[in-house]
Amino acid sequence: MSAYATPQAQRLAPVQPAEGITVTGEAVRRVSPENAEFVIEITSSAPNAAQALRDNLAKFTQVAQALHALGVQGHDMQTISQTVVNMYTPLMQSLPGYGMPQIGQTYPSQTYGGMGLPLTMQPDLQFGSYQARNVVRVNVRDIARAGDVLDAATRAGGVVAGAFQVRTSDEANARRSALEAAGKDARAKAEALAAAAGKQLGDTIAISEELIASNGTYTALRNAMPLAFGAGAPQAAGELEYYARVSASFRLQ
């Protein structure tokens, strides 16, 4: 029998995977927050759209003046969206013949199928007031005054909407530092496992990364589920945390 393999047999032959190792590195970098950000809504109502917009602008100016006294400048207040909505109430038409009052205009000369029931026509929509809504993002550069600014905005007529966020001025450096540390952690783990197997670490095959920025969330989850995360969890909560996870695959030699 010939040992020659047909082209079809060559295609069906399984491919042996190259020897390699895949590890996951983790790292957390903590920085102190320097500024805060929150969103407020400013609403006003009036019989017409023009008056609603004028009232909304006056209310916005009042909020801006109150925040300016606490160090919030004009460029720190950015309008995200501004809308005007017509608030109306449609007059509903009731079913005839069931003892319910009729709403609208009645024509006595017209009846339903000779039953003597009046034909009630649906009237036009009755328009009411207009509501202007302005959504504003407020940036507080001095985080120590964030609470005072929030209280002042509320007293001046704003309504807080959404989450209160804290930030750092050098967020890019914090992210990069966390990713670099996670990458070094992954390589250190791979070298240790390769040495335990009597091998040497070769070239990198693939790398993937994941980064989560939070305000103490990593610490809370780590304490609740200690086995779900790697070592090195921070000991203090309340600071900005940048948690990086890097999965890397290496060849073994």
Protein backbone atom coordinates (compact mmCIF):
# COMPACT_ATOMS: atom_id res chain seq x y z
CA MET A 1 0.00 0.00 0.00
CA SER A 2 1.35 3.38 -0.91
CA ALA A 3 1.98 5.84 1.91
CA TYR A 4 1.22 8.74 -0.39
CA ALA A 5 -1.60 10.96 0.99
CA THR A 6 -4.09 12.40 -1.45
CA PRO A 7 -4.70 16.17 -1.49
CA GLN A 8 -8.09 15.57 0.16
CA ALA A 9 -6.48 13.56 2.95
CA GLN A 10 -3.92 16.31 3.45
CA ARG A 11 -6.70 18.86 3.85
CA LEU A 12 -8.53 16.72 6.39
CA ALA A 13 -5.45 16.00 8.50
CA PRO A 14 -5.68 17.78 11.89
CA VAL A 15 -3.33 20.66 12.48
CA GLN A 16 -1.34 20.37 15.67
CA PRO A 17 -1.46 23.62 17.67
CA ALA A 18 1.80 25.29 18.54
CA GLU A 19 2.90 25.12 22.13
CA GLY A 20 1.91 28.24 23.99
CA ILE A 21 0.53 29.73 27.14
CA THR A 22 -2.20 32.31 27.83
CA VAL A 23 -2.25 34.36 31.03
CA THR A 24 -4.17 37.30 32.45
CA GLY A 25 -2.46 40.21 34.16
CA GLU A 26 -4.22 42.69 36.44
CA ALA A 27 -3.39 46.06 37.95
CA VAL A 28 -5.11 48.90 39.77
CA ARG A 29 -4.02 52.53 39.83
CA ARG A 30 -5.62 55.01 42.24
CA VAL A 31 -5.58 58.78 41.92
CA SER A 32 -7.22 61.51 43.95
CA PRO A 33 -10.13 63.24 42.17
CA GLU A 34 -9.55 66.90 41.32
CA ASN A 35 -12.82 68.08 39.78
CA ALA A 36 -16.48 67.09 39.70
CA GLU A 37 -19.19 67.09 37.08
CA PHE A 38 -22.97 66.88 37.26
CA VAL A 39 -25.99 67.64 35.06
CA ILE A 40 -28.91 69.91 35.92
CA GLU A 41 -32.24 70.58 34.23
CA ILE A 42 -33.79 74.04 34.05
CA THR A 43 -37.47 74.09 33.09
CA SER A 44 -40.05 76.84 32.72
CA SER A 45 -43.67 77.02 31.52
CA ALA A 46 -45.64 79.81 29.83
CA PRO A 47 -48.80 80.26 27.69
CA ASN A 48 -46.67 80.59 24.53
CA ALA A 49 -43.32 79.32 23.29
CA ALA A 50 -41.62 82.72 23.16
CA GLN A 51 -42.42 83.48 26.79
CA ALA A 52 -41.35 79.99 27.88
CA LEU A 53 -37.94 80.48 26.23
CA ARG A 54 -37.51 83.93 27.78
CA ASP A 55 -38.38 82.61 31.23
CA ASN A 56 -36.00 79.70 30.77
CA LEU A 57 -33.15 82.03 29.80
CA ALA A 58 -33.82 84.21 32.84
CA LYS A 59 -33.82 81.13 35.07
CA PHE A 60 -30.56 79.92 33.51
CA THR A 61 -28.98 83.32 34.13
CA GLN A 62 -30.07 83.15 37.74
CA VAL A 63 -28.46 79.72 38.17
CA ALA A 64 -25.27 80.88 36.41
CA GLN A 65 -24.95 83.91 38.69
CA ALA A 66 -25.38 81.76 41.78
CA LEU A 67 -22.67 79.36 40.63
CA HIS A 68 -20.33 82.14 39.50
CA ALA A 69 -20.21 83.35 43.10
CA LEU A 70 -18.72 79.93 43.99
CA GLY A 71 -16.04 80.01 41.30
CA VAL A 72 -17.88 78.31 38.42
CA GLN A 73 -17.05 80.22 35.23
CA GLY A 74 -19.21 80.59 32.15
CA HIS A 75 -17.24 78.02 30.12
CA ASP A 76 -17.79 75.50 32.94
CA MET A 77 -21.54 75.45 32.17
CA GLN A 78 -22.32 73.78 28.85
CA THR A 79 -25.81 73.32 27.41
CA ILE A 80 -26.31 69.72 26.31
CA SER A 81 -29.81 70.08 24.86
CA GLN A 82 -32.64 72.60 24.78
CA THR A 83 -36.21 71.76 23.84
CA VAL A 84 -39.66 73.38 23.77
CA VAL A 85 -42.68 71.12 24.23
CA ASN A 86 -46.33 72.01 23.76
CA MET A 87 -48.27 70.67 26.73
CA TYR A 88 -51.81 69.80 25.56
CA THR A 89 -54.74 67.73 26.81
CA PRO A 90 -56.85 65.91 24.20
CA LEU A 91 -60.59 65.79 24.86
CA MET A 92 -61.57 62.12 24.88
CA GLN A 93 -64.76 60.97 23.19
CA SER A 94 -66.95 58.70 25.29
CA LEU A 95 -68.99 55.79 23.96
CA PRO A 96 -72.66 56.72 23.36
CA GLY A 97 -75.57 54.92 24.91
CA TYR A 98 -73.86 53.83 28.15
CA GLY A 99 -74.99 56.59 30.47
CA MET A 100 -71.70 58.53 30.08
CA PRO A 101 -71.66 62.25 29.36
CA GLN A 102 -70.88 63.33 25.80
CA ILE A 103 -67.93 65.66 25.22
CA GLY A 104 -67.79 67.76 22.09
CA GLN A 105 -70.30 69.05 19.57
CA THR A 106 -73.61 67.24 19.14
CA TYR A 107 -75.77 67.21 16.01
CA PRO A 108 -79.35 66.26 17.05
CA SER A 109 -80.46 65.64 13.47
CA GLN A 110 -77.98 62.77 13.02
CA THR A 111 -78.41 59.46 14.82
CA TYR A 112 -76.78 56.04 14.89
CA GLY A 113 -78.80 53.52 12.87
CA GLY A 114 -82.12 54.94 13.93
CA MET A 115 -81.49 54.22 17.62
CA GLY A 116 -82.03 57.83 18.57
CA LEU A 117 -78.49 58.23 19.95
CA PRO A 118 -76.81 61.56 19.22
CA LEU A 119 -73.72 61.60 16.99
CA THR A 120 -70.87 63.20 18.88
CA MET A 121 -67.92 64.54 16.87
CA GLN A 122 -64.36 64.53 18.22
CA PRO A 123 -63.32 68.16 18.79
CA ASP A 124 -59.90 69.62 18.00
CA LEU A 125 -57.09 69.25 20.52
CA GLN A 126 -57.17 71.90 23.20
CA PHE A 127 -53.65 73.32 23.44
CA GLY A 128 -52.33 74.48 26.77
CA SER A 129 -48.98 75.84 27.92
CA TYR A 130 -45.47 75.50 26.52
CA GLN A 131 -42.57 74.08 28.50
CA ALA A 132 -38.93 74.98 27.79
CA ARG A 133 -36.28 72.59 29.04
CA ASN A 134 -32.54 73.26 29.20
CA VAL A 135 -30.10 70.47 30.17
CA VAL A 136 -26.75 71.86 31.38
CA ARG A 137 -23.49 70.13 32.27
CA VAL A 138 -21.68 71.81 35.18
CA ASN A 139 -17.95 71.33 35.77
CA VAL A 140 -16.63 72.12 39.25
CA ARG A 141 -12.85 72.57 39.13
CA ASP A 142 -12.44 72.72 42.91
CA ILE A 143 -13.82 69.41 44.16
CA ALA A 144 -13.88 70.69 47.75
CA ARG A 145 -16.70 73.06 46.74
CA ALA A 146 -18.71 70.52 44.76
CA GLY A 147 -21.35 70.16 47.47
CA ASP A 148 -21.79 73.93 47.81
CA VAL A 149 -22.14 74.30 44.03
CA LEU A 150 -24.71 71.54 43.90
CA ASP A 151 -26.77 73.14 46.68
CA ALA A 152 -26.56 76.57 45.03
CA ALA A 153 -27.74 75.20 41.68
CA THR A 154 -30.73 73.56 43.36
CA ARG A 155 -31.69 76.68 45.30
CA ALA A 156 -31.47 78.79 42.13
CA GLY A 157 -33.99 76.61 40.31
CA GLY A 158 -32.00 73.76 38.78
CA VAL A 159 -32.87 70.10 39.21
CA VAL A 160 -30.03 67.60 39.42
CA ALA A 161 -30.29 64.89 36.77
CA GLY A 162 -28.05 61.86 36.31
CA ALA A 163 -25.03 60.69 38.24
CA PHE A 164 -22.52 62.85 40.10
CA GLN A 165 -19.06 62.16 38.66
CA VAL A 166 -15.55 62.95 39.86
CA ARG A 167 -12.57 63.21 37.53
CA THR A 168 -8.82 63.78 37.44
CA SER A 169 -6.99 66.20 35.18
CA ASP A 170 -4.51 63.55 33.98
CA GLU A 171 -6.82 60.64 33.27
CA ALA A 172 -4.83 59.50 30.19
CA ASN A 173 -1.69 58.97 32.28
CA ALA A 174 -3.62 56.98 34.89
CA ARG A 175 -5.10 54.70 32.21
CA ARG A 176 -1.73 54.17 30.54
CA SER A 177 -0.05 53.39 33.86
CA ALA A 178 -2.69 50.79 34.73
CA LEU A 179 -2.39 49.08 31.34
CA GLU A 180 1.42 48.98 31.50
CA ALA A 181 1.33 47.48 34.98
CA ALA A 182 -1.22 44.85 33.91
CA GLY A 183 0.95 43.96 30.90
CA LYS A 184 4.02 43.49 33.11
CA ASP A 185 1.95 41.37 35.48
CA ALA A 186 0.84 39.13 32.60
CA ARG A 187 4.41 38.61 31.39
CA ALA A 188 5.65 37.85 34.91
CA LYS A 189 2.96 35.19 35.32
CA ALA A 190 3.79 33.68 31.93
CA GLU A 191 7.51 33.50 32.76
CA ALA A 192 6.78 31.79 36.08
CA LEU A 193 4.50 29.20 34.47
CA ALA A 194 6.95 28.55 31.64
CA ALA A 195 9.78 27.99 34.11
CA ALA A 196 7.61 25.59 36.12
CA ALA A 197 7.02 23.60 32.93
CA GLY A 198 10.72 23.53 32.06
CA LYS A 199 10.27 25.89 29.12
CA GLN A 200 11.33 29.36 28.12
CA LEU A 201 8.98 32.13 27.12
CA GLY A 202 8.98 32.92 23.42
CA ASP A 203 7.38 35.58 21.23
CA THR A 204 4.05 37.17 22.04
CA ILE A 205 1.20 35.75 19.93
CA ALA A 206 -1.76 37.94 20.93
CA ILE A 207 -2.72 40.59 23.48
CA SER A 208 -6.13 41.93 24.52
CA GLU A 209 -6.92 44.53 27.15
CA GLU A 210 -9.82 45.76 29.29
CA LEU A 211 -9.89 48.86 31.47
CA ILE A 212 -12.57 49.98 33.93
CA ALA A 213 -12.56 53.41 35.57
CA SER A 214 -14.69 53.74 38.71
CA ASN A 215 -15.00 55.45 42.05
CA GLY A 216 -14.43 52.67 44.54
CA THR A 217 -16.41 50.05 42.60
CA TYR A 218 -13.47 47.70 42.20
CA THR A 219 -12.81 47.70 45.92
CA ALA A 220 -16.45 46.98 46.75
CA LEU A 221 -16.66 44.10 44.27
CA ARG A 222 -13.31 42.71 45.40
CA ASN A 223 -14.49 42.63 49.01
CA ALA A 224 -17.80 40.99 48.08
CA MET A 225 -16.30 38.43 45.66
CA PRO A 226 -12.62 37.97 46.53
CA LEU A 227 -12.20 34.94 44.26
CA ALA A 228 -13.46 36.78 41.18
CA PHE A 229 -10.51 39.17 41.06
CA GLY A 230 -6.76 38.85 41.22
CA ALA A 231 -4.43 39.94 43.98
CA GLY A 232 -3.49 43.51 44.66
CA ALA A 233 -6.83 45.08 45.46
CA PRO A 234 -6.52 48.59 46.89
CA GLN A 235 -7.00 49.06 50.60
CA ALA A 236 -8.77 52.41 50.46
CA ALA A 237 -12.06 53.32 48.81
CA GLY A 238 -13.36 56.65 47.61
CA GLU A 239 -10.54 57.48 45.22
CA LEU A 240 -10.66 57.12 41.46
CA GLU A 241 -9.63 53.61 40.49
CA TYR A 242 -8.41 52.44 37.10
CA TYR A 243 -8.57 48.65 36.91
CA ALA A 244 -6.80 47.10 33.91
CA ARG A 245 -6.87 43.48 32.79
CA VAL A 246 -4.55 42.25 30.01
CA SER A 247 -4.79 38.78 28.44
CA ALA A 248 -1.64 37.74 26.60
CA SER A 249 -0.59 34.60 24.72
CA PHE A 250 3.08 33.57 24.37
CA ARG A 251 4.91 30.83 22.57
CA LEU A 252 6.88 28.31 24.59
CA GLN A 253 10.40 27.29 23.59
